[in-house]
Amino acid sequence: MPSLSLKPTHKAVTAYYDSLATFAKLGVKHEGAVRSAFQELLESCARQFEWKLVPEYALKRKGQAPAKADGALLDPYGLNHGLWEAKDSDDDLDKEIKHKFAIGYPKQNILFWQPDRAVLYQNAERFYEADLRQPEDLVHILTLFLEFAPPAIAEWEKAVEEFRDKVPQIGASLKALIEKERQTNKKFIAAFEDFCALCRGSLNPNISVEAVEEMVIQHILTERIFRKIFDVADFISRNVIAQEIEKLITALNSRVFSRDDFSKSLEHFYGAIENAAATITDFTEKQTFLNTVYERFFQGFCVKVADTHGIVYTPQPLVNFMVASVEHVLKEEFGKSLGDRDVHILDPFTGTGNFIVNLMQHIPKTALPHKFAHELHCNEIMLLPYYVASMNIEHAYYEATGQYQSFEGICLVDTFQTAEKEQSELSFFN
């Protein structure tokens, strides 16, 4: 766990006090202005940890509208390391703290700030109070705040460093095992040939044996993660690709490979991921976490494949813009909306389903069942994001309707392969 490098004489600290002094000289006291001084200081400190201070951070509350903290410290995986709440000098800070906890603010690591005073709660206890007129006290409370590591997150940070170095070795050993069994295990040979035929029929007629082997390895390494993080124990029994890979693994498991033993060998890493994910209550944030795990996973395994297929996720603001733009064009040019019947939507490179999930939020709930069952379509060529997209889209439907339904509109397919006929034969523009 990195430590905060900050002294009372550092530029960020002196700039903070200079900014507050300027506000005071101008007679500006309201929270919206004075909190900017602390926000800039906190952002400077967060960069040392490669974290991002996210302003106006939404706190989901069961059965209530989300509350908004003034800021949250998120790491590259989207895990929340601490919350910040600001008040001005005229506020009764203790009264405000009591109110925030009464409406559901978490108490794990939250810093309440006003220009002359700050109170830090950690592990549900009032841990430290600082006189911010003293630069040494300011530095101390910031150090306590930023260096606090919830056990699950600390465990995860340690495990991911260890696992990153092991991924290439694990992938190589599984590949060697699969290649050996393809020569000697009749049951596995038959299952593998059947799966290759399925992939060539639905994904790409030219898919290589190496690519199929890689899909099996990806499934072995990640199936538990997706299943437990999203709590979808029956996903394998519903998804056709997962079903077929499971048949392969059953054949592989029959002689020289034990999935249980393999899982035990990586228990520390799997457990760390699951515990870290358990600190996240919002499904969208879980999706962000898993997306990042996926990206980091490919940095250690299948790097060439990741580079070949351009595994880069579209930022959420751009996805929002894309959805709003399509809705605008539909209304202006065709007098239609996204929720209207006979408006089919295809995401040809869906990744982890972010576009479709966002789109579903713009469709009226009354129109969503028909749209979900008949008019939403998406393709993905890579196995892991295909799995995640399936679960993300199905969960988004459940959240919107209260009913669980499998999403039949997603295909594990190479979109470019489906569009190799002459363009005049396409019906997109009819």
Protein backbone atom coordinates (compact mmCIF):
# COMPACT_ATOMS: atom_id res chain seq x y z
CA MET A 1 0.00 0.00 0.00
CA PRO A 2 1.58 3.35 -1.04
CA SER A 3 1.94 6.13 1.49
CA LEU A 4 1.07 9.80 1.12
CA SER A 5 4.00 12.10 0.54
CA LEU A 6 2.80 15.44 1.88
CA LYS A 7 4.31 18.10 4.12
CA PRO A 8 2.95 21.43 5.39
CA THR A 9 5.45 23.23 3.16
CA HIS A 10 4.43 21.47 -0.05
CA LYS A 11 2.97 23.54 -2.86
CA ALA A 12 -0.45 21.84 -2.75
CA VAL A 13 -0.85 22.68 0.95
CA THR A 14 0.24 26.31 0.63
CA ALA A 15 -2.04 26.72 -2.40
CA TYR A 16 -4.94 25.38 -0.32
CA TYR A 17 -4.41 27.98 2.42
CA ASP A 18 -3.85 30.75 -0.14
CA SER A 19 -7.12 29.88 -1.85
CA LEU A 20 -9.08 29.97 1.42
CA ALA A 21 -7.44 33.29 2.31
CA THR A 22 -8.51 34.75 -1.02
CA PHE A 23 -12.11 33.64 -0.48
CA ALA A 24 -12.05 35.18 3.01
CA LYS A 25 -10.69 38.45 1.69
CA LEU A 26 -13.50 38.57 -0.86
CA GLY A 27 -16.07 37.80 1.81
CA VAL A 28 -17.00 34.52 0.09
CA LYS A 29 -18.07 31.88 2.60
CA HIS A 30 -20.58 29.58 0.91
CA GLU A 31 -19.80 25.89 0.54
CA GLY A 32 -19.92 25.79 -3.24
CA ALA A 33 -16.95 28.14 -3.41
CA VAL A 34 -14.76 27.32 -0.42
CA ARG A 35 -14.87 23.56 -0.95
CA SER A 36 -12.99 24.01 -4.23
CA ALA A 37 -9.83 24.74 -2.25
CA PHE A 38 -9.97 21.40 -0.47
CA GLN A 39 -11.06 19.59 -3.63
CA GLU A 40 -7.90 20.73 -5.43
CA LEU A 41 -5.74 19.58 -2.52
CA LEU A 42 -7.50 16.23 -2.35
CA GLU A 43 -7.15 15.72 -6.10
CA SER A 44 -3.43 16.41 -5.84
CA CYS A 45 -3.07 13.81 -3.08
CA ALA A 46 -5.18 11.25 -4.93
CA ARG A 47 -2.90 11.38 -7.95
CA GLN A 48 -0.09 9.95 -5.83
CA PHE A 49 -2.16 6.78 -5.51
CA GLU A 50 -3.33 6.84 -9.15
CA TRP A 51 -6.84 7.44 -7.88
CA LYS A 52 -9.52 9.77 -9.19
CA LEU A 53 -11.58 12.09 -7.03
CA VAL A 54 -15.11 11.82 -8.44
CA PRO A 55 -17.26 14.85 -7.50
CA GLU A 56 -20.98 14.49 -6.75
CA TYR A 57 -20.62 10.76 -6.22
CA ALA A 58 -23.96 8.92 -6.17
CA LEU A 59 -24.63 6.77 -3.10
CA LYS A 60 -27.28 4.15 -3.86
CA ARG A 61 -29.83 3.68 -1.07
CA LYS A 62 -32.33 0.85 -1.03
CA GLY A 63 -35.84 2.10 -1.70
CA GLN A 64 -34.72 5.73 -1.89
CA ALA A 65 -33.29 8.13 -4.41
CA PRO A 66 -29.48 8.16 -4.45
CA ALA A 67 -27.72 10.61 -2.14
CA LYS A 68 -24.71 12.53 -3.43
CA ALA A 69 -21.45 12.82 -1.55
CA ASP A 70 -19.25 15.75 -2.51
CA GLY A 71 -16.52 13.36 -3.61
CA ALA A 72 -15.30 9.77 -3.69
CA LEU A 73 -11.79 8.39 -4.16
CA LEU A 74 -11.90 5.67 -6.82
CA ASP A 75 -8.96 3.52 -7.85
CA PRO A 76 -8.38 2.28 -11.42
CA TYR A 77 -10.65 -0.70 -10.72
CA GLY A 78 -13.49 1.58 -9.67
CA LEU A 79 -13.21 0.55 -6.02
CA ASN A 80 -14.20 3.24 -3.53
CA HIS A 81 -11.45 4.06 -1.01
CA GLY A 82 -13.16 6.93 0.79
CA LEU A 83 -15.84 9.62 0.72
CA TRP A 84 -15.56 13.35 1.28
CA GLU A 85 -18.34 15.65 2.43
CA ALA A 86 -17.87 19.44 2.59
CA LYS A 87 -19.62 22.15 4.63
CA ASP A 88 -19.01 25.85 5.09
CA SER A 89 -18.00 27.60 8.32
CA ASP A 90 -21.56 28.55 9.22
CA ASP A 91 -22.73 24.92 9.29
CA ASP A 92 -22.95 22.93 12.51
CA LEU A 93 -20.60 20.14 11.41
CA ASP A 94 -21.61 17.66 14.10
CA LYS A 95 -25.28 18.17 13.29
CA GLU A 96 -24.56 17.68 9.59
CA ILE A 97 -22.60 14.48 10.29
CA LYS A 98 -25.49 13.07 12.28
CA HIS A 99 -27.89 13.91 9.46
CA LYS A 100 -25.73 12.27 6.79
CA PHE A 101 -25.48 9.03 8.71
CA ALA A 102 -29.22 9.11 9.37
CA ILE A 103 -29.93 9.14 5.62
CA GLY A 104 -27.60 6.23 4.90
CA TYR A 105 -24.07 7.52 4.35
CA PRO A 106 -21.51 4.74 4.95
CA LYS A 107 -19.08 5.01 7.87
CA GLN A 108 -16.14 2.97 6.63
CA ASN A 109 -13.89 5.86 5.59
CA ILE A 110 -15.50 9.29 5.28
CA LEU A 111 -14.01 12.72 5.85
CA PHE A 112 -16.26 15.63 6.84
CA TRP A 113 -14.63 18.98 6.09
CA GLN A 114 -15.19 22.65 6.70
CA PRO A 115 -12.53 25.38 6.38
CA ASP A 116 -11.32 25.29 9.99
CA ARG A 117 -12.17 21.75 11.02
CA ALA A 118 -12.40 18.16 9.78
CA VAL A 119 -13.75 14.95 11.28
CA LEU A 120 -12.75 11.50 10.05
CA TYR A 121 -14.87 8.39 10.55
CA GLN A 122 -13.31 4.98 9.93
CA ASN A 123 -14.78 1.54 10.59
CA ALA A 124 -17.98 3.16 11.91
CA GLU A 125 -16.12 5.09 14.62
CA ARG A 126 -15.19 8.75 15.03
CA PHE A 127 -11.49 8.20 14.48
CA TYR A 128 -9.85 11.64 14.34
CA GLU A 129 -10.68 15.33 14.48
CA ALA A 130 -8.36 17.97 13.06
CA ASP A 131 -7.89 21.69 13.60
CA LEU A 132 -7.29 22.71 9.99
CA ARG A 133 -5.84 26.04 11.01
CA GLN A 134 -2.75 23.98 11.79
CA PRO A 135 -1.04 22.72 8.59
CA GLU A 136 0.44 19.76 10.46
CA ASP A 137 -3.03 18.65 11.50
CA LEU A 138 -4.30 19.03 7.93
CA VAL A 139 -1.51 16.80 6.65
CA HIS A 140 -2.11 14.24 9.38
CA ILE A 141 -5.83 13.81 8.76
CA LEU A 142 -5.28 13.60 5.01
CA THR A 143 -2.66 10.90 5.60
CA LEU A 144 -5.06 8.92 7.77
CA PHE A 145 -7.82 9.33 5.20
CA LEU A 146 -5.86 8.33 2.10
CA GLU A 147 -3.75 5.57 3.62
CA PHE A 148 -6.75 3.77 5.09
CA ALA A 149 -7.21 0.44 3.34
CA PRO A 150 -10.37 -1.61 3.92
CA PRO A 151 -9.24 -5.21 4.43
CA ALA A 152 -10.96 -6.50 1.29
CA ILE A 153 -9.35 -3.85 -0.92
CA ALA A 154 -5.92 -4.29 0.67
CA GLU A 155 -6.20 -8.04 0.08
CA TRP A 156 -7.18 -7.42 -3.53
CA GLU A 157 -4.30 -5.04 -4.24
CA LYS A 158 -1.81 -7.59 -2.93
CA ALA A 159 -3.38 -10.49 -4.81
CA VAL A 160 -3.56 -8.73 -8.18
CA GLU A 161 0.16 -7.98 -8.10
CA GLU A 162 0.92 -11.62 -7.38
CA PHE A 163 -1.52 -12.94 -9.98
CA ARG A 164 -0.37 -10.65 -12.79
CA ASP A 165 2.98 -12.41 -12.84
CA LYS A 166 1.39 -15.86 -12.73
CA VAL A 167 -1.16 -15.47 -15.53
CA PRO A 168 1.21 -16.22 -18.45
CA GLN A 169 2.52 -19.33 -16.69
CA ILE A 170 -0.98 -20.55 -15.81
CA GLY A 171 -2.22 -19.95 -19.35
CA ALA A 172 0.79 -21.74 -20.83
CA SER A 173 0.36 -24.77 -18.57
CA LEU A 174 -3.34 -25.05 -19.46
CA LYS A 175 -2.51 -24.75 -23.14
CA ALA A 176 0.09 -27.52 -22.88
CA LEU A 177 -2.43 -29.73 -21.09
CA ILE A 178 -5.11 -29.14 -23.72
CA GLU A 179 -2.73 -29.87 -26.58
CA LYS A 180 -1.59 -33.10 -24.93
CA GLU A 181 -5.18 -34.24 -24.36
CA ARG A 182 -6.03 -33.46 -27.97
CA GLN A 183 -3.53 -36.16 -28.92
CA THR A 184 -4.31 -38.83 -26.34
CA ASN A 185 -7.80 -38.38 -24.83
CA LYS A 186 -10.48 -39.78 -27.19
CA LYS A 187 -13.35 -38.29 -25.21
CA PHE A 188 -11.72 -34.87 -25.21
CA ILE A 189 -10.77 -35.14 -28.90
CA ALA A 190 -14.41 -35.74 -29.86
CA ALA A 191 -15.71 -32.92 -27.64
CA PHE A 192 -13.05 -30.53 -28.94
CA GLU A 193 -13.87 -31.30 -32.58
CA ASP A 194 -17.58 -30.74 -31.90
CA PHE A 195 -16.85 -27.39 -30.29
CA CYS A 196 -14.58 -26.33 -33.16
CA ALA A 197 -17.39 -27.12 -35.57
CA LEU A 198 -19.80 -25.03 -33.50
CA CYS A 199 -17.37 -22.10 -33.44
CA ARG A 200 -16.75 -22.30 -37.19
CA GLY A 201 -20.47 -22.36 -37.82
CA SER A 202 -21.43 -19.46 -35.54
CA LEU A 203 -18.28 -17.41 -35.00
CA ASN A 204 -15.92 -17.62 -37.91
CA PRO A 205 -15.47 -20.39 -40.51
CA ASN A 206 -11.73 -19.76 -40.43
CA ILE A 207 -11.28 -19.79 -36.65
CA SER A 208 -8.03 -21.50 -35.69
CA VAL A 209 -7.53 -24.36 -33.27
CA GLU A 210 -5.34 -22.04 -31.18
CA ALA A 211 -8.20 -19.54 -30.86
CA VAL A 212 -10.55 -22.29 -29.69
CA GLU A 213 -7.98 -23.49 -27.16
CA GLU A 214 -7.71 -19.96 -25.90
CA MET A 215 -11.47 -19.71 -25.38
CA VAL A 216 -11.37 -22.82 -23.23
CA ILE A 217 -8.49 -21.41 -21.17
CA GLN A 218 -10.31 -18.10 -20.71
CA HIS A 219 -13.41 -19.93 -19.54
CA ILE A 220 -11.50 -22.04 -17.04
CA LEU A 221 -9.74 -19.00 -15.61
CA THR A 222 -12.72 -16.68 -15.33
CA GLU A 223 -16.00 -18.61 -15.06
CA ARG A 224 -15.96 -18.58 -11.26
CA ILE A 225 -15.28 -14.85 -11.15
CA PHE A 226 -18.28 -13.92 -13.28
CA ARG A 227 -20.56 -16.41 -11.59
CA LYS A 228 -19.81 -15.28 -8.05
CA ILE A 229 -19.47 -11.53 -8.60
CA PHE A 230 -22.79 -11.33 -10.42
CA ASP A 231 -24.41 -14.11 -8.41
CA VAL A 232 -25.65 -15.94 -11.50
CA ALA A 233 -25.06 -19.56 -10.61
CA ASP A 234 -27.25 -20.80 -13.47
CA PHE A 235 -25.50 -18.78 -16.18
CA ILE A 236 -23.62 -21.83 -17.49
CA SER A 237 -26.80 -23.85 -17.80
CA ARG A 238 -28.45 -21.09 -19.88
CA ASN A 239 -25.69 -19.89 -22.20
CA VAL A 240 -25.09 -22.11 -25.22
CA ILE A 241 -21.39 -21.29 -25.59
CA ALA A 242 -20.75 -21.80 -21.89
CA GLN A 243 -22.64 -25.11 -22.05
CA GLU A 244 -20.45 -26.37 -24.88
CA ILE A 245 -17.22 -25.32 -23.18
CA GLU A 246 -18.38 -27.05 -20.02
CA LYS A 247 -18.71 -30.27 -22.02
CA LEU A 248 -15.09 -29.85 -23.06
CA ILE A 249 -13.97 -29.25 -19.50
CA THR A 250 -15.92 -32.30 -18.31
CA ALA A 251 -13.99 -34.38 -20.84
CA LEU A 252 -10.75 -32.75 -19.77
CA ASN A 253 -11.62 -33.27 -16.13
CA SER A 254 -12.04 -36.99 -16.63
CA ARG A 255 -8.35 -37.91 -16.60
CA VAL A 256 -5.57 -35.46 -15.85
CA PHE A 257 -7.29 -32.21 -14.93
CA SER A 258 -9.28 -31.40 -11.81
CA ARG A 259 -11.14 -28.11 -11.87
CA ASP A 260 -11.51 -28.24 -8.09
CA ASP A 261 -7.77 -28.63 -7.60
CA PHE A 262 -7.09 -25.88 -10.14
CA SER A 263 -9.51 -23.54 -8.39
CA LYS A 264 -7.91 -24.26 -5.03
CA SER A 265 -4.49 -23.32 -6.40
CA LEU A 266 -5.85 -19.85 -7.21
CA GLU A 267 -8.16 -19.54 -4.20
CA HIS A 268 -6.31 -16.51 -2.85
CA PHE A 269 -6.78 -14.57 -6.07
CA TYR A 270 -10.39 -15.60 -6.66
CA GLY A 271 -11.26 -14.90 -3.04
CA ALA A 272 -9.63 -11.47 -3.23
CA ILE A 273 -11.63 -10.53 -6.33
CA GLU A 274 -14.87 -11.72 -4.77
CA ASN A 275 -14.24 -9.91 -1.49
CA ALA A 276 -13.32 -6.69 -3.28
CA ALA A 277 -16.43 -6.92 -5.47
CA ALA A 278 -18.53 -7.48 -2.36
CA THR A 279 -17.64 -3.94 -1.23
CA ILE A 280 -19.56 -2.66 -4.29
CA THR A 281 -23.34 -2.51 -4.00
CA ASP A 282 -24.13 -0.83 -7.33
CA PHE A 283 -24.34 -3.15 -10.33
CA THR A 284 -22.91 -0.58 -12.74
CA GLU A 285 -19.87 -0.17 -10.51
CA LYS A 286 -19.48 -3.94 -10.40
CA GLN A 287 -19.48 -3.87 -14.20
CA THR A 288 -16.73 -1.23 -14.16
CA PHE A 289 -14.73 -3.30 -11.71
CA LEU A 290 -15.04 -6.43 -13.80
CA ASN A 291 -14.23 -4.57 -17.01
CA THR A 292 -10.98 -3.43 -15.45
CA VAL A 293 -10.18 -6.87 -14.09
CA TYR A 294 -10.71 -8.12 -17.63
CA GLU A 295 -8.39 -5.49 -19.11
CA ARG A 296 -5.67 -6.22 -16.56
CA PHE A 297 -6.16 -9.94 -17.13
CA PHE A 298 -5.33 -9.52 -20.81
CA GLN A 299 -2.19 -7.61 -19.95
CA GLY A 300 -0.84 -10.82 -18.47
CA PHE A 301 -2.44 -13.37 -20.82
CA CYS A 302 -3.33 -13.30 -24.51
CA VAL A 303 -1.68 -9.90 -24.98
CA LYS A 304 -1.44 -10.40 -28.74
CA VAL A 305 -5.13 -11.24 -28.97
CA ALA A 306 -6.05 -8.21 -26.89
CA ASP A 307 -4.01 -6.01 -29.20
CA THR A 308 -5.43 -7.64 -32.34
CA HIS A 309 -9.04 -7.09 -31.36
CA GLY A 310 -8.57 -3.63 -29.91
CA ILE A 311 -9.95 -4.23 -26.45
CA VAL A 312 -10.74 -0.64 -25.50
CA TYR A 313 -13.97 0.27 -23.75
CA THR A 314 -16.01 3.27 -24.82
CA PRO A 315 -16.17 5.81 -21.98
CA GLN A 316 -19.60 6.20 -20.40
CA PRO A 317 -20.04 9.89 -21.41
CA LEU A 318 -19.47 8.91 -25.05
CA VAL A 319 -21.97 6.06 -24.76
CA ASN A 320 -24.50 8.55 -23.34
CA PHE A 321 -23.86 10.86 -26.28
CA MET A 322 -24.27 8.03 -28.80
CA VAL A 323 -27.62 6.97 -27.35
CA ALA A 324 -28.91 10.55 -27.18
CA SER A 325 -27.76 11.18 -30.76
CA VAL A 326 -29.56 8.12 -32.12
CA GLU A 327 -32.73 9.11 -30.28
CA HIS A 328 -32.49 12.62 -31.72
CA VAL A 329 -31.99 11.40 -35.31
CA LEU A 330 -34.85 8.93 -35.00
CA LYS A 331 -37.23 11.67 -33.89
CA GLU A 332 -36.06 14.30 -36.35
CA GLU A 333 -35.76 12.14 -39.47
CA PHE A 334 -38.23 9.31 -38.94
CA GLY A 335 -40.67 10.47 -36.29
CA LYS A 336 -39.71 7.47 -34.16
CA SER A 337 -38.15 6.83 -30.77
CA LEU A 338 -35.92 4.10 -29.42
CA GLY A 339 -38.88 2.48 -27.67
CA ASP A 340 -41.11 2.24 -30.75
CA ARG A 341 -41.89 -1.15 -32.24
CA ASP A 342 -40.05 -2.17 -35.40
CA VAL A 343 -37.05 -0.03 -34.45
CA HIS A 344 -34.30 -2.65 -34.30
CA ILE A 345 -30.99 -1.79 -32.68
CA LEU A 346 -27.72 -3.60 -33.39
CA ASP A 347 -24.48 -3.13 -31.51
CA PRO A 348 -21.96 -4.93 -33.76
CA PHE A 349 -19.07 -4.82 -31.29
CA THR A 350 -20.77 -4.85 -27.91
CA GLY A 351 -17.79 -5.46 -25.63
CA THR A 352 -19.33 -5.89 -22.19
CA GLY A 353 -22.74 -4.58 -23.24
CA ASN A 354 -22.43 -1.01 -21.99
CA PHE A 355 -24.21 0.50 -24.99
CA ILE A 356 -27.20 -1.88 -24.81
CA VAL A 357 -27.50 -1.44 -21.03
CA ASN A 358 -27.49 2.35 -21.41
CA LEU A 359 -29.97 2.12 -24.26
CA MET A 360 -32.41 0.07 -22.15
CA GLN A 361 -32.50 2.89 -19.60
CA HIS A 362 -33.91 5.20 -22.30
CA ILE A 363 -36.68 2.81 -23.35
CA PRO A 364 -40.06 3.13 -21.56
CA LYS A 365 -40.64 0.22 -19.20
CA THR A 366 -43.89 -0.64 -20.95
CA ALA A 367 -42.02 -1.07 -24.23
CA LEU A 368 -38.97 -2.83 -22.82
CA PRO A 369 -40.24 -6.47 -22.73
CA HIS A 370 -41.00 -6.51 -26.48
CA LYS A 371 -37.84 -4.61 -27.32
CA PHE A 372 -35.70 -6.90 -25.17
CA ALA A 373 -37.17 -10.08 -26.64
CA HIS A 374 -37.27 -9.07 -30.31
CA GLU A 375 -35.48 -5.85 -31.26
CA LEU A 376 -32.20 -5.58 -29.37
CA HIS A 377 -29.23 -7.30 -31.00
CA CYS A 378 -25.52 -7.32 -30.33
CA ASN A 379 -22.41 -9.22 -31.42
CA GLU A 380 -19.11 -9.87 -29.70
CA ILE A 381 -16.13 -11.86 -30.97
CA MET A 382 -14.26 -12.31 -27.67
CA LEU A 383 -15.48 -14.85 -25.15
CA LEU A 384 -14.96 -13.01 -21.87
CA PRO A 385 -16.76 -9.78 -22.78
CA TYR A 386 -19.48 -11.87 -24.42
CA TYR A 387 -20.11 -13.54 -21.05
CA VAL A 388 -20.07 -10.24 -19.19
CA ALA A 389 -22.35 -8.54 -21.72
CA SER A 390 -24.91 -11.35 -21.44
CA MET A 391 -25.05 -11.00 -17.67
CA ASN A 392 -25.00 -7.19 -17.69
CA ILE A 393 -27.89 -6.95 -20.13
CA GLU A 394 -29.96 -9.60 -18.35
CA HIS A 395 -29.40 -7.88 -14.99
CA ALA A 396 -30.34 -4.48 -16.42
CA TYR A 397 -33.62 -6.01 -17.63
CA TYR A 398 -34.24 -7.52 -14.20
CA GLU A 399 -33.64 -4.16 -12.49
CA ALA A 400 -36.01 -2.42 -14.88
CA THR A 401 -38.84 -4.97 -14.83
CA GLY A 402 -38.39 -7.08 -11.70
CA GLN A 403 -38.41 -10.19 -13.88
CA TYR A 404 -35.48 -12.32 -14.97
CA GLN A 405 -35.28 -13.26 -18.63
CA SER A 406 -32.46 -14.67 -20.72
CA PHE A 407 -31.23 -12.34 -23.46
CA GLU A 408 -31.41 -14.11 -26.80
CA GLY A 409 -30.22 -11.16 -28.83
CA ILE A 410 -26.49 -11.55 -28.22
CA CYS A 411 -24.28 -13.60 -30.53
CA LEU A 412 -20.69 -14.76 -30.17
CA VAL A 413 -19.78 -13.93 -33.73
CA ASP A 414 -17.34 -11.97 -35.89
CA THR A 415 -19.50 -9.13 -37.24
CA PHE A 416 -17.12 -8.57 -40.14
CA GLN A 417 -17.61 -12.19 -41.20
CA THR A 418 -21.38 -11.70 -41.30
CA ALA A 419 -21.02 -8.72 -43.66
CA GLU A 420 -18.80 -10.19 -46.38
CA LYS A 421 -21.52 -10.30 -49.02
CA GLU A 422 -21.96 -7.39 -51.34
CA GLN A 423 -23.31 -4.27 -49.67
CA SER A 424 -26.27 -4.17 -52.06
CA GLU A 425 -27.57 -7.33 -50.43
CA LEU A 426 -27.74 -5.74 -47.01
CA SER A 427 -31.12 -4.66 -45.74
CA PHE A 428 -29.97 -2.08 -43.21
CA PHE A 429 -31.01 0.84 -45.40
CA ASN A 430 -34.25 -0.51 -46.82
